[in-house]
Amino acid sequence: MHKAITVTIKQMVRGVLFGSSYSVPGKQVYASFAEMEEAVRKRIGFYRHTAAAEGGVTGAGGILLGLADFPILLSMKLKLLFDIATMYGFDVKDYRERLYILFIFQLAFSSQDHRRKVFGQMEDWDHRAGALPEKEESFDWRAFQQEYRDYLDIAKMAQLMPVIGAAVGVVVNYRLVTRLGETAMNAYRMRLLR
C-alpha cells in the first residue's frame, strides 16, 4: 500500500513539477525588495483564498469530493511555490530549483525531526546545488509522501465528515497555504540575503 501511495504521489508531483515550469509568470522587475515581497504576499493571498474555497466545496461534497481535494490542493500548493520562486527571480526550469521547491514543501509539511534534516540541506543551497545529481531519481519520494501524509492525516480526515467537512476544509486549506507561503518566503529570503 505504501508503495502504491508513493508511486501515485511521485507521479502526481512529477507531473505538476514538469507542467508548472511552463505555466509560471514571466520574470518581473521590482523597484525594491519590499515591493517584491508585497507582490509575493498578494500571490499567497490569492492561492490561500482559492484553496479555502476549494476546501469548502470539496468538504461539503462528502467523501467522494473530499477525495478530490488531495490532488487539487497539492497541485495548488506546488503551483504557488513555482510562482513564488519565479517572483524571487529563480529559474524553475532548472531541475535544482524544482528540487529546492520540494525541500520547501517538506520544510512546511513534515515532522520536526525531518524539518531539521531538510533545513540542513537547504542552508547553503547555492553551493550544494552544484554538487547535486543531474537527475531527479535520487530524490527520496517515499520519505516525502510519508512525511506529508502523516502531517495532514488528522486535519484532512475531518474534512471527509458529513456536515462539518465544508468548514473544516475552508479552515485547513487556508492554514496550510498560509504556512506554505510563509515557509517559502523565509526560504527564499535565506538565499537572497546570504
Protein backbone atom coordinates (compact mmCIF):
# COMPACT_ATOMS: atom_id res chain seq x y z
CA MET A 1 0.00 0.00 0.00
CA HIS A 2 2.86 2.39 0.87
CA LYS A 3 4.45 1.56 -2.45
CA ALA A 4 1.24 2.37 -4.35
CA ILE A 5 0.76 5.67 -2.50
CA THR A 6 4.42 6.55 -3.04
CA VAL A 7 4.18 5.90 -6.79
CA THR A 8 0.93 7.89 -7.02
CA ILE A 9 2.34 10.91 -5.18
CA LYS A 10 5.63 10.68 -7.06
CA GLN A 11 3.91 10.70 -10.45
CA MET A 12 1.48 13.42 -9.45
CA VAL A 13 4.19 15.68 -8.06
CA ARG A 14 6.41 15.00 -11.07
CA GLY A 15 3.55 15.92 -13.40
CA VAL A 16 2.90 19.15 -11.54
CA LEU A 17 6.63 19.93 -11.36
CA PHE A 18 7.01 19.41 -15.10
CA GLY A 19 3.83 21.25 -16.09
CA SER A 20 4.24 24.16 -13.70
CA SER A 21 7.62 25.05 -15.13
CA TYR A 22 5.78 26.07 -18.29
CA SER A 23 2.96 27.98 -16.64
CA VAL A 24 4.84 30.32 -14.31
CA PRO A 25 4.58 34.08 -14.54
CA GLY A 26 7.23 35.84 -16.58
CA LYS A 27 10.23 37.30 -14.83
CA GLN A 28 9.29 40.62 -13.29
CA VAL A 29 11.43 43.53 -12.23
CA TYR A 30 10.65 45.15 -8.90
CA ALA A 31 11.82 48.56 -7.73
CA SER A 32 12.75 47.20 -4.31
CA PHE A 33 12.88 44.08 -2.18
CA ALA A 34 9.83 45.37 -0.25
CA GLU A 35 7.82 45.72 -3.47
CA MET A 36 8.76 42.18 -4.48
CA GLU A 37 7.71 40.83 -1.09
CA GLU A 38 4.38 42.65 -1.31
CA ALA A 39 3.75 41.04 -4.71
CA VAL A 40 4.58 37.63 -3.21
CA ARG A 41 2.20 38.24 -0.31
CA LYS A 42 -0.60 39.11 -2.76
CA ARG A 43 0.06 35.90 -4.69
CA ILE A 44 -0.07 33.89 -1.45
CA GLY A 45 -3.35 35.63 -0.57
CA PHE A 46 -4.85 34.66 -3.92
CA TYR A 47 -3.88 31.00 -3.50
CA ARG A 48 -4.94 31.00 0.15
CA HIS A 49 -8.47 32.16 -0.72
CA THR A 50 -8.71 29.83 -3.71
CA ALA A 51 -7.62 26.84 -1.60
CA ALA A 52 -10.07 27.78 1.15
CA ALA A 53 -12.95 27.92 -1.34
CA GLU A 54 -11.87 24.63 -2.88
CA GLY A 55 -11.68 23.02 0.58
CA GLY A 56 -15.16 24.22 1.42
CA VAL A 57 -16.67 22.89 -1.80
CA THR A 58 -14.96 19.52 -1.63
CA GLY A 59 -15.67 19.24 2.11
CA ALA A 60 -19.37 19.92 1.55
CA GLY A 61 -19.47 17.18 -1.08
CA GLY A 62 -18.68 14.43 1.38
CA ILE A 63 -16.26 11.58 0.89
CA LEU A 64 -16.29 11.47 -2.93
CA LEU A 65 -15.50 15.15 -3.43
CA GLY A 66 -13.30 15.11 -0.34
CA LEU A 67 -11.03 12.60 -2.06
CA ALA A 68 -10.62 15.04 -4.95
CA ASP A 69 -9.30 17.66 -2.53
CA PHE A 70 -5.92 15.98 -2.09
CA PRO A 71 -4.66 16.20 -5.68
CA ILE A 72 -6.26 19.60 -6.28
CA LEU A 73 -4.74 21.14 -3.16
CA LEU A 74 -1.35 19.53 -3.81
CA SER A 75 -1.33 21.00 -7.32
CA MET A 76 -2.25 24.44 -5.99
CA LYS A 77 0.49 24.33 -3.37
CA LEU A 78 3.16 23.35 -5.86
CA LYS A 79 1.97 25.98 -8.35
CA LEU A 80 2.19 28.59 -5.59
CA LEU A 81 5.79 27.55 -4.91
CA PHE A 82 6.65 27.87 -8.59
CA ASP A 83 5.13 31.34 -8.70
CA ILE A 84 6.98 32.45 -5.57
CA ALA A 85 10.31 31.11 -6.85
CA THR A 86 9.85 32.99 -10.12
CA MET A 87 8.86 36.18 -8.33
CA TYR A 88 12.05 35.98 -6.28
CA GLY A 89 13.98 35.66 -9.55
CA PHE A 90 14.84 31.95 -9.65
CA ASP A 91 14.60 29.87 -12.83
CA VAL A 92 12.21 26.99 -12.12
CA LYS A 93 13.10 25.27 -15.38
CA ASP A 94 16.33 24.24 -13.68
CA TYR A 95 15.91 20.85 -12.00
CA ARG A 96 17.82 22.03 -8.92
CA GLU A 97 15.34 24.86 -8.37
CA ARG A 98 12.48 22.40 -8.60
CA LEU A 99 14.26 20.23 -6.06
CA TYR A 100 14.58 23.27 -3.78
CA ILE A 101 10.82 23.72 -4.14
CA LEU A 102 10.31 20.15 -2.89
CA PHE A 103 12.58 20.90 0.08
CA ILE A 104 10.47 23.97 0.89
CA PHE A 105 7.39 21.78 0.68
CA GLN A 106 8.94 19.29 3.12
CA LEU A 107 10.02 22.10 5.43
CA ALA A 108 6.41 23.26 5.66
CA PHE A 109 4.74 19.85 6.00
CA SER A 110 6.92 17.44 7.95
CA SER A 111 7.72 16.34 11.46
CA GLN A 112 10.16 18.42 13.49
CA ASP A 113 12.98 15.89 13.07
CA HIS A 114 12.55 15.76 9.32
CA ARG A 115 12.35 19.56 9.07
CA ARG A 116 15.70 19.80 10.84
CA LYS A 117 17.29 17.45 8.28
CA VAL A 118 15.73 19.29 5.35
CA PHE A 119 16.80 22.68 6.69
CA GLY A 120 20.36 21.41 6.97
CA GLN A 121 20.27 20.53 3.27
CA MET A 122 18.87 23.95 2.34
CA GLU A 123 21.18 26.17 4.40
CA ASP A 124 23.88 26.66 1.77
CA TRP A 125 21.79 25.68 -1.22
CA ASP A 126 23.57 27.62 -3.94
CA HIS A 127 26.81 25.86 -3.04
CA ARG A 128 25.18 22.45 -2.60
CA ALA A 129 23.16 22.69 -5.82
CA GLY A 130 26.30 22.40 -7.92
CA ALA A 131 27.05 19.00 -6.39
CA LEU A 132 23.55 17.59 -6.95
CA PRO A 133 22.99 14.79 -9.43
CA GLU A 134 21.50 15.84 -12.76
CA LYS A 135 18.51 13.52 -12.44
CA GLU A 136 15.62 13.63 -10.03
CA GLU A 137 15.75 9.88 -9.44
CA SER A 138 17.92 10.42 -6.37
CA PHE A 139 15.06 12.17 -4.55
CA ASP A 140 13.56 10.16 -1.66
CA TRP A 141 9.91 10.06 -2.77
CA ARG A 142 8.81 7.61 -0.10
CA ALA A 143 10.02 9.82 2.78
CA PHE A 144 8.45 12.81 1.02
CA GLN A 145 4.99 11.25 0.79
CA GLN A 146 5.09 9.68 4.26
CA GLU A 147 6.00 12.93 5.98
CA TYR A 148 3.37 14.84 4.00
CA ARG A 149 0.68 12.22 4.59
CA ASP A 150 1.41 11.94 8.31
CA TYR A 151 1.36 15.72 8.71
CA LEU A 152 -2.06 16.05 7.04
CA ASP A 153 -3.86 12.89 8.18
CA ILE A 154 -5.99 14.17 11.07
CA ALA A 155 -6.96 17.53 9.59
CA LYS A 156 -7.86 16.13 6.20
CA MET A 157 -9.77 13.18 7.64
CA ALA A 158 -12.08 15.59 9.46
CA GLN A 159 -12.84 17.22 6.10
CA LEU A 160 -14.41 13.96 4.89
CA MET A 161 -17.01 14.01 7.68
CA PRO A 162 -20.53 15.00 6.65
CA VAL A 163 -21.84 18.40 7.79
CA ILE A 164 -18.59 19.75 9.29
CA GLY A 165 -16.44 18.86 6.26
CA ALA A 166 -17.03 22.17 4.48
CA ALA A 167 -15.99 24.32 7.45
CA VAL A 168 -13.00 22.11 8.18
CA GLY A 169 -11.95 22.24 4.51
CA VAL A 170 -12.03 26.03 4.43
CA VAL A 171 -10.00 26.45 7.63
CA VAL A 172 -7.49 23.66 6.99
CA ASN A 173 -6.73 24.65 3.40
CA TYR A 174 -6.42 28.33 4.37
CA ARG A 175 -3.93 27.49 7.11
CA LEU A 176 -1.94 25.03 5.01
CA VAL A 177 -1.43 27.52 2.19
CA THR A 178 -0.58 30.28 4.69
CA ARG A 179 2.05 28.05 6.27
CA LEU A 180 3.49 27.09 2.91
CA GLY A 181 3.65 30.70 1.76
CA GLU A 182 5.44 31.87 4.89
CA THR A 183 7.89 28.97 4.70
CA ALA A 184 8.64 29.72 1.05
CA MET A 185 9.19 33.42 1.72
CA ASN A 186 11.63 32.63 4.51
CA ALA A 187 13.44 30.02 2.39
CA TYR A 188 13.98 32.48 -0.45
CA ARG A 189 14.91 35.29 1.91
CA MET A 190 17.56 32.99 3.36
CA ARG A 191 19.04 32.51 -0.12
CA LEU A 192 18.80 36.10 -1.28
CA LEU A 193 20.04 37.73 1.88
CA ARG A 194 23.00 35.35 2.19
